[in-house]
Structure formats: structure tokens, C-alpha cells
Amino acid sequence: MKRSTAALGWASAAALTLLASRPSAQTAPGVLSERCYLREYSAAHLVAHPGQTVRALAVQVVRMADTPDVLEHTIAAQFIDADAVFAHTGLVHHGWYGLECDGGRYRAKPYRQGILLTVDPDYPPTLGDCGADSDEAPARTISGRGEDDRFYLPEIDCGTLPAKWR
């Protein structure tokens, strides 16, 4: 059964503020605060969820000093069928984390010691193949392929986020 986008409306402005409210121990100049989340799925998890398209996901949420009312984010994924990490950036609008270029969107809310990322089933995040002249690999969509389009990502210290995820 497909969830409607209205059912995903639980990410409030307060929840979004929580996602980027603390400065990281290694915040770069001009960055007011940043939060990082990463999950690398085990082989056992992937066997239990054969429709899942990603084997790892990372999200970085940043609030810049010169635009403190705007949350910027980067989502990166390593897909089942590719060794490369695909990443795109975007802005948060009305609770939706939208992506520039390839499009798609997701919501994130605080959950346990991280975030619960829920993709919009009608407009899922797509990474790669950014434009007609792109030399990137074909686009891939972050999805549970109808099984479950929710992904839990624990928070990690942004200073420990490996370079391939930035």
C-alpha cells in the first residue's frame, strides 16, 4: 500500500531545528552548526530487505552563519549495484529536504540517537546522471522498493565522517 505525501507531514519546523541546532566540535569557518548521520547496512540486513536499493546512506545538515534561517543538506548513497558514492545537495523547504538537479525529496525527524529518513514515495530522491551532458553513472533512486521507504541513520561526529560521504 502506497503512503500519501500528506501522511509524511510529521516533520515540523521544531524538528528541523533540532537536526542542525548544535555546533559540531570541528565546525568550519562560516558554519553555524552541522549534524551528520551515517548508516552502513550489514549483509544480513540487505538479505532481509531484498528491495532496498542502498547499502549505505549519509546525510549532512548545515546551518551557515550568513543564512541562519536556511538549512542546507547533502545526502549521499552507496547503492547495491555500484561501488561509487553518489551525492547531491539541496535546501529544506516546508519540512521537505529537496534535491537540486536530479530531484526527489525526503523528510527527516529526530529518532533515537539519529534521524528517521522517509522518502516521498511519489517523488523519491534520485542521485547521479545530473543533466544531459553528465559523465556520471546512470541515475539511481533511494528506495525500499515498496517494502519500506524509511531509513534510520544514527548520528555521528561530523569530524569523523569519511571524505567519500562529503
C-alpha atoms as a PDB file:
ATOM      1  CA  MET A   1       0.000   0.000   0.000  1.00  0.00           C
ATOM      2  CA  LYS A   2       1.428   3.376  -1.011  1.00  0.00           C
ATOM      3  CA  ARG A   3       1.660   6.125   1.602  1.00  0.00           C
ATOM      4  CA  SER A   4       0.391   9.531   0.584  1.00  0.00           C
ATOM      5  CA  THR A   5       2.660  12.543   0.838  1.00  0.00           C
ATOM      6  CA  ALA A   6       0.202  14.003   3.360  1.00  0.00           C
ATOM      7  CA  ALA A   7       0.967  11.103   5.682  1.00  0.00           C
ATOM      8  CA  LEU A   8       4.620  12.206   5.673  1.00  0.00           C
ATOM      9  CA  GLY A   9       3.816  15.634   7.085  1.00  0.00           C
ATOM     10  CA  TRP A  10       5.200  14.977  10.550  1.00  0.00           C
ATOM     11  CA  ALA A  11       8.476  16.888  10.189  1.00  0.00           C
ATOM     12  CA  SER A  12       7.801  20.172  11.948  1.00  0.00           C
ATOM     13  CA  ALA A  13       9.946  23.293  11.940  1.00  0.00           C
ATOM     14  CA  ALA A  14      10.937  22.448  15.517  1.00  0.00           C
ATOM     15  CA  ALA A  15      12.170  19.013  14.478  1.00  0.00           C
ATOM     16  CA  LEU A  16      14.187  20.523  11.629  1.00  0.00           C
ATOM     17  CA  THR A  17      15.759  22.991  14.035  1.00  0.00           C
ATOM     18  CA  LEU A  18      16.849  20.082  16.226  1.00  0.00           C
ATOM     19  CA  LEU A  19      18.577  18.463  13.272  1.00  0.00           C
ATOM     20  CA  ALA A  20      21.055  21.331  12.880  1.00  0.00           C
ATOM     21  CA  SER A  21      20.965  23.122  16.218  1.00  0.00           C
ATOM     22  CA  ARG A  22      24.271  22.033  17.775  1.00  0.00           C
ATOM     23  CA  PRO A  23      27.631  23.170  16.521  1.00  0.00           C
ATOM     24  CA  SER A  24      29.978  20.303  15.697  1.00  0.00           C
ATOM     25  CA  ALA A  25      33.237  20.054  17.591  1.00  0.00           C
ATOM     26  CA  GLN A  26      35.037  20.731  14.282  1.00  0.00           C
ATOM     27  CA  THR A  27      32.721  23.287  12.680  1.00  0.00           C
ATOM     28  CA  ALA A  28      34.320  25.009   9.687  1.00  0.00           C
ATOM     29  CA  PRO A  29      34.556  28.819   9.422  1.00  0.00           C
ATOM     30  CA  GLY A  30      31.222  30.311   8.364  1.00  0.00           C
ATOM     31  CA  VAL A  31      29.277  27.261   9.542  1.00  0.00           C
ATOM     32  CA  LEU A  32      26.928  27.987  12.438  1.00  0.00           C
ATOM     33  CA  SER A  33      26.134  24.317  13.078  1.00  0.00           C
ATOM     34  CA  GLU A  34      26.218  20.955  11.368  1.00  0.00           C
ATOM     35  CA  ARG A  35      24.928  17.463  12.101  1.00  0.00           C
ATOM     36  CA  CYS A  36      25.946  14.230  10.390  1.00  0.00           C
ATOM     37  CA  TYR A  37      24.221  10.869  10.130  1.00  0.00           C
ATOM     38  CA  LEU A  38      25.558   7.645   8.612  1.00  0.00           C
ATOM     39  CA  ARG A  39      24.407   4.054   8.300  1.00  0.00           C
ATOM     40  CA  GLU A  40      26.154   1.254   6.515  1.00  0.00           C
ATOM     41  CA  TYR A  41      23.880  -1.774   6.201  1.00  0.00           C
ATOM     42  CA  SER A  42      25.124  -5.272   7.013  1.00  0.00           C
ATOM     43  CA  ALA A  43      24.868  -8.139   4.533  1.00  0.00           C
ATOM     44  CA  ALA A  44      22.282  -9.755   6.838  1.00  0.00           C
ATOM     45  CA  HIS A  45      20.119  -6.613   6.736  1.00  0.00           C
ATOM     46  CA  LEU A  46      20.281  -6.467   2.941  1.00  0.00           C
ATOM     47  CA  VAL A  47      19.284 -10.141   2.657  1.00  0.00           C
ATOM     48  CA  ALA A  48      16.307  -9.437   4.942  1.00  0.00           C
ATOM     49  CA  HIS A  49      15.317  -6.403   2.793  1.00  0.00           C
ATOM     50  CA  PRO A  50      15.895  -7.504  -0.829  1.00  0.00           C
ATOM     51  CA  GLY A  51      14.047  -4.493  -2.255  1.00  0.00           C
ATOM     52  CA  GLN A  52      16.352  -1.947  -0.627  1.00  0.00           C
ATOM     53  CA  THR A  53      18.447  -0.095  -3.220  1.00  0.00           C
ATOM     54  CA  VAL A  54      21.173   1.284  -0.908  1.00  0.00           C
ATOM     55  CA  ARG A  55      23.866  -0.373   1.132  1.00  0.00           C
ATOM     56  CA  ALA A  56      24.883   2.851   2.879  1.00  0.00           C
ATOM     57  CA  LEU A  57      23.380   6.320   3.415  1.00  0.00           C
ATOM     58  CA  ALA A  58      24.782   9.548   4.860  1.00  0.00           C
ATOM     59  CA  VAL A  59      23.141  12.916   5.497  1.00  0.00           C
ATOM     60  CA  GLN A  60      24.891  16.140   6.485  1.00  0.00           C
ATOM     61  CA  VAL A  61      22.718  19.087   7.606  1.00  0.00           C
ATOM     62  CA  VAL A  62      24.375  22.519   7.823  1.00  0.00           C
ATOM     63  CA  ARG A  63      23.249  25.947   9.011  1.00  0.00           C
ATOM     64  CA  MET A  64      25.527  28.683   7.629  1.00  0.00           C
ATOM     65  CA  ALA A  65      26.280  31.832   9.642  1.00  0.00           C
ATOM     66  CA  ASP A  66      25.370  34.133   6.739  1.00  0.00           C
ATOM     67  CA  THR A  67      21.953  32.419   6.206  1.00  0.00           C
ATOM     68  CA  PRO A  68      20.937  31.130   9.665  1.00  0.00           C
ATOM     69  CA  ASP A  69      17.287  30.620   8.667  1.00  0.00           C
ATOM     70  CA  VAL A  70      18.203  28.169   5.896  1.00  0.00           C
ATOM     71  CA  LEU A  71      19.134  24.527   6.354  1.00  0.00           C
ATOM     72  CA  GLU A  72      21.361  23.100   3.639  1.00  0.00           C
ATOM     73  CA  HIS A  73      21.815  19.362   3.317  1.00  0.00           C
ATOM     74  CA  THR A  74      23.806  16.800   1.422  1.00  0.00           C
ATOM     75  CA  ILE A  75      22.578  13.250   1.011  1.00  0.00           C
ATOM     76  CA  ALA A  76      24.976  10.583  -0.173  1.00  0.00           C
ATOM     77  CA  ALA A  77      24.286   6.955  -1.004  1.00  0.00           C
ATOM     78  CA  GLN A  78      26.206   3.885  -1.962  1.00  0.00           C
ATOM     79  CA  PHE A  79      23.880   1.689  -3.978  1.00  0.00           C
ATOM     80  CA  ILE A  80      23.676  -2.104  -4.081  1.00  0.00           C
ATOM     81  CA  ASP A  81      24.866  -2.223  -7.698  1.00  0.00           C
ATOM     82  CA  ALA A  82      27.681   0.374  -7.543  1.00  0.00           C
ATOM     83  CA  ASP A  83      30.877   0.938  -5.594  1.00  0.00           C
ATOM     84  CA  ALA A  84      30.799   4.707  -6.149  1.00  0.00           C
ATOM     85  CA  VAL A  85      29.149   7.087  -3.691  1.00  0.00           C
ATOM     86  CA  PHE A  86      26.574   9.425  -5.251  1.00  0.00           C
ATOM     87  CA  ALA A  87      25.817  12.730  -3.518  1.00  0.00           C
ATOM     88  CA  HIS A  88      23.693  15.818  -4.137  1.00  0.00           C
ATOM     89  CA  THR A  89      22.853  18.906  -2.129  1.00  0.00           C
ATOM     90  CA  GLY A  90      19.706  20.895  -1.589  1.00  0.00           C
ATOM     91  CA  LEU A  91      17.717  23.083   0.772  1.00  0.00           C
ATOM     92  CA  VAL A  92      14.991  22.314   3.283  1.00  0.00           C
ATOM     93  CA  HIS A  93      11.612  23.852   2.358  1.00  0.00           C
ATOM     94  CA  HIS A  94       8.455  23.404   4.447  1.00  0.00           C
ATOM     95  CA  GLY A  95       9.792  20.243   6.047  1.00  0.00           C
ATOM     96  CA  TRP A  96      10.895  18.610   2.781  1.00  0.00           C
ATOM     97  CA  TYR A  97      14.563  18.021   2.056  1.00  0.00           C
ATOM     98  CA  GLY A  98      14.617  18.695  -1.679  1.00  0.00           C
ATOM     99  CA  LEU A  99      17.439  17.891  -4.065  1.00  0.00           C
ATOM    100  CA  GLU A 100      18.862  20.160  -6.720  1.00  0.00           C
ATOM    101  CA  CYS A 101      19.412  18.806 -10.226  1.00  0.00           C
ATOM    102  CA  ASP A 102      18.062  15.255 -10.211  1.00  0.00           C
ATOM    103  CA  GLY A 103      15.228  15.947  -7.831  1.00  0.00           C
ATOM    104  CA  GLY A 104      13.310  13.954  -5.343  1.00  0.00           C
ATOM    105  CA  ARG A 105      12.696  14.671  -1.714  1.00  0.00           C
ATOM    106  CA  TYR A 106      12.612  13.177   1.737  1.00  0.00           C
ATOM    107  CA  ARG A 107      11.758  14.115   5.292  1.00  0.00           C
ATOM    108  CA  ALA A 108      13.887  13.629   8.376  1.00  0.00           C
ATOM    109  CA  LYS A 109      12.884  13.679  12.006  1.00  0.00           C
ATOM    110  CA  PRO A 110      14.832  13.057  15.196  1.00  0.00           C
ATOM    111  CA  TYR A 111      14.589   9.390  16.140  1.00  0.00           C
ATOM    112  CA  ARG A 112      16.503   7.532  18.842  1.00  0.00           C
ATOM    113  CA  GLN A 113      20.136   8.692  18.570  1.00  0.00           C
ATOM    114  CA  GLY A 114      19.835   9.907  14.963  1.00  0.00           C
ATOM    115  CA  ILE A 115      17.196  10.554  12.314  1.00  0.00           C
ATOM    116  CA  LEU A 116      14.450   8.636  10.607  1.00  0.00           C
ATOM    117  CA  LEU A 117      14.649   9.469   6.908  1.00  0.00           C
ATOM    118  CA  THR A 118      11.429   8.855   4.940  1.00  0.00           C
ATOM    119  CA  VAL A 119      11.487   9.176   1.164  1.00  0.00           C
ATOM    120  CA  ASP A 120       8.498  10.625  -0.663  1.00  0.00           C
ATOM    121  CA  PRO A 121       7.056   7.567  -2.457  1.00  0.00           C
ATOM    122  CA  ASP A 122       5.715   9.801  -5.231  1.00  0.00           C
ATOM    123  CA  TYR A 123       8.996  11.708  -5.749  1.00  0.00           C
ATOM    124  CA  PRO A 124      11.884   9.659  -4.282  1.00  0.00           C
ATOM    125  CA  PRO A 125      15.415  11.076  -4.137  1.00  0.00           C
ATOM    126  CA  THR A 126      17.406  10.279  -7.266  1.00  0.00           C
ATOM    127  CA  LEU A 127      21.185  10.613  -7.381  1.00  0.00           C
ATOM    128  CA  GLY A 128      23.547  10.539 -10.357  1.00  0.00           C
ATOM    129  CA  ASP A 129      23.091  11.393 -14.053  1.00  0.00           C
ATOM    130  CA  CYS A 130      22.805  15.100 -13.287  1.00  0.00           C
ATOM    131  CA  GLY A 131      21.782  16.543 -16.627  1.00  0.00           C
ATOM    132  CA  ALA A 132      22.058  15.529 -20.268  1.00  0.00           C
ATOM    133  CA  ASP A 133      25.790  16.285 -20.531  1.00  0.00           C
ATOM    134  CA  SER A 134      26.681  14.372 -17.379  1.00  0.00           C
ATOM    135  CA  ASP A 135      29.501  11.860 -17.366  1.00  0.00           C
ATOM    136  CA  GLU A 136      28.178  10.326 -14.139  1.00  0.00           C
ATOM    137  CA  ALA A 137      26.755   6.820 -13.958  1.00  0.00           C
ATOM    138  CA  PRO A 138      23.031   6.364 -14.627  1.00  0.00           C
ATOM    139  CA  ALA A 139      20.684   7.751 -12.002  1.00  0.00           C
ATOM    140  CA  ARG A 140      19.699   5.589  -9.059  1.00  0.00           C
ATOM    141  CA  THR A 141      16.763   6.066  -6.724  1.00  0.00           C
ATOM    142  CA  ILE A 142      16.860   5.721  -2.940  1.00  0.00           C
ATOM    143  CA  SER A 143      14.071   3.314  -2.159  1.00  0.00           C
ATOM    144  CA  GLY A 144      12.923   0.276  -0.278  1.00  0.00           C
ATOM    145  CA  ARG A 145      11.063  -0.670  -3.489  1.00  0.00           C
ATOM    146  CA  GLY A 146       7.694  -0.739  -1.767  1.00  0.00           C
ATOM    147  CA  GLU A 147       8.929  -2.675   1.266  1.00  0.00           C
ATOM    148  CA  ASP A 148       9.642   0.292   3.468  1.00  0.00           C
ATOM    149  CA  ASP A 149      10.917   3.692   2.405  1.00  0.00           C
ATOM    150  CA  ARG A 150      12.113   4.646   5.887  1.00  0.00           C
ATOM    151  CA  PHE A 151      15.770   4.551   6.853  1.00  0.00           C
ATOM    152  CA  TYR A 152      17.211   5.026  10.356  1.00  0.00           C
ATOM    153  CA  LEU A 153      20.601   6.791  10.389  1.00  0.00           C
ATOM    154  CA  PRO A 154      22.482   7.180  13.685  1.00  0.00           C
ATOM    155  CA  GLU A 155      24.198  10.495  14.338  1.00  0.00           C
ATOM    156  CA  ILE A 156      27.980  10.574  14.121  1.00  0.00           C
ATOM    157  CA  ASP A 157      30.536  13.286  14.862  1.00  0.00           C
ATOM    158  CA  CYS A 158      30.929  15.269  11.615  1.00  0.00           C
ATOM    159  CA  GLY A 159      34.691  15.297  12.178  1.00  0.00           C
ATOM    160  CA  THR A 160      34.701  11.516  11.744  1.00  0.00           C
ATOM    161  CA  LEU A 161      32.560  11.476   8.589  1.00  0.00           C
ATOM    162  CA  PRO A 162      34.768   9.872   5.907  1.00  0.00           C
ATOM    163  CA  ALA A 163      35.636  12.126   2.961  1.00  0.00           C
ATOM    164  CA  LYS A 164      33.752   9.902   0.483  1.00  0.00           C
ATOM    165  CA  TRP A 165      30.496  10.921   2.203  1.00  0.00           C
ATOM    166  CA  ARG A 166      31.027  14.699   1.994  1.00  0.00           C
END
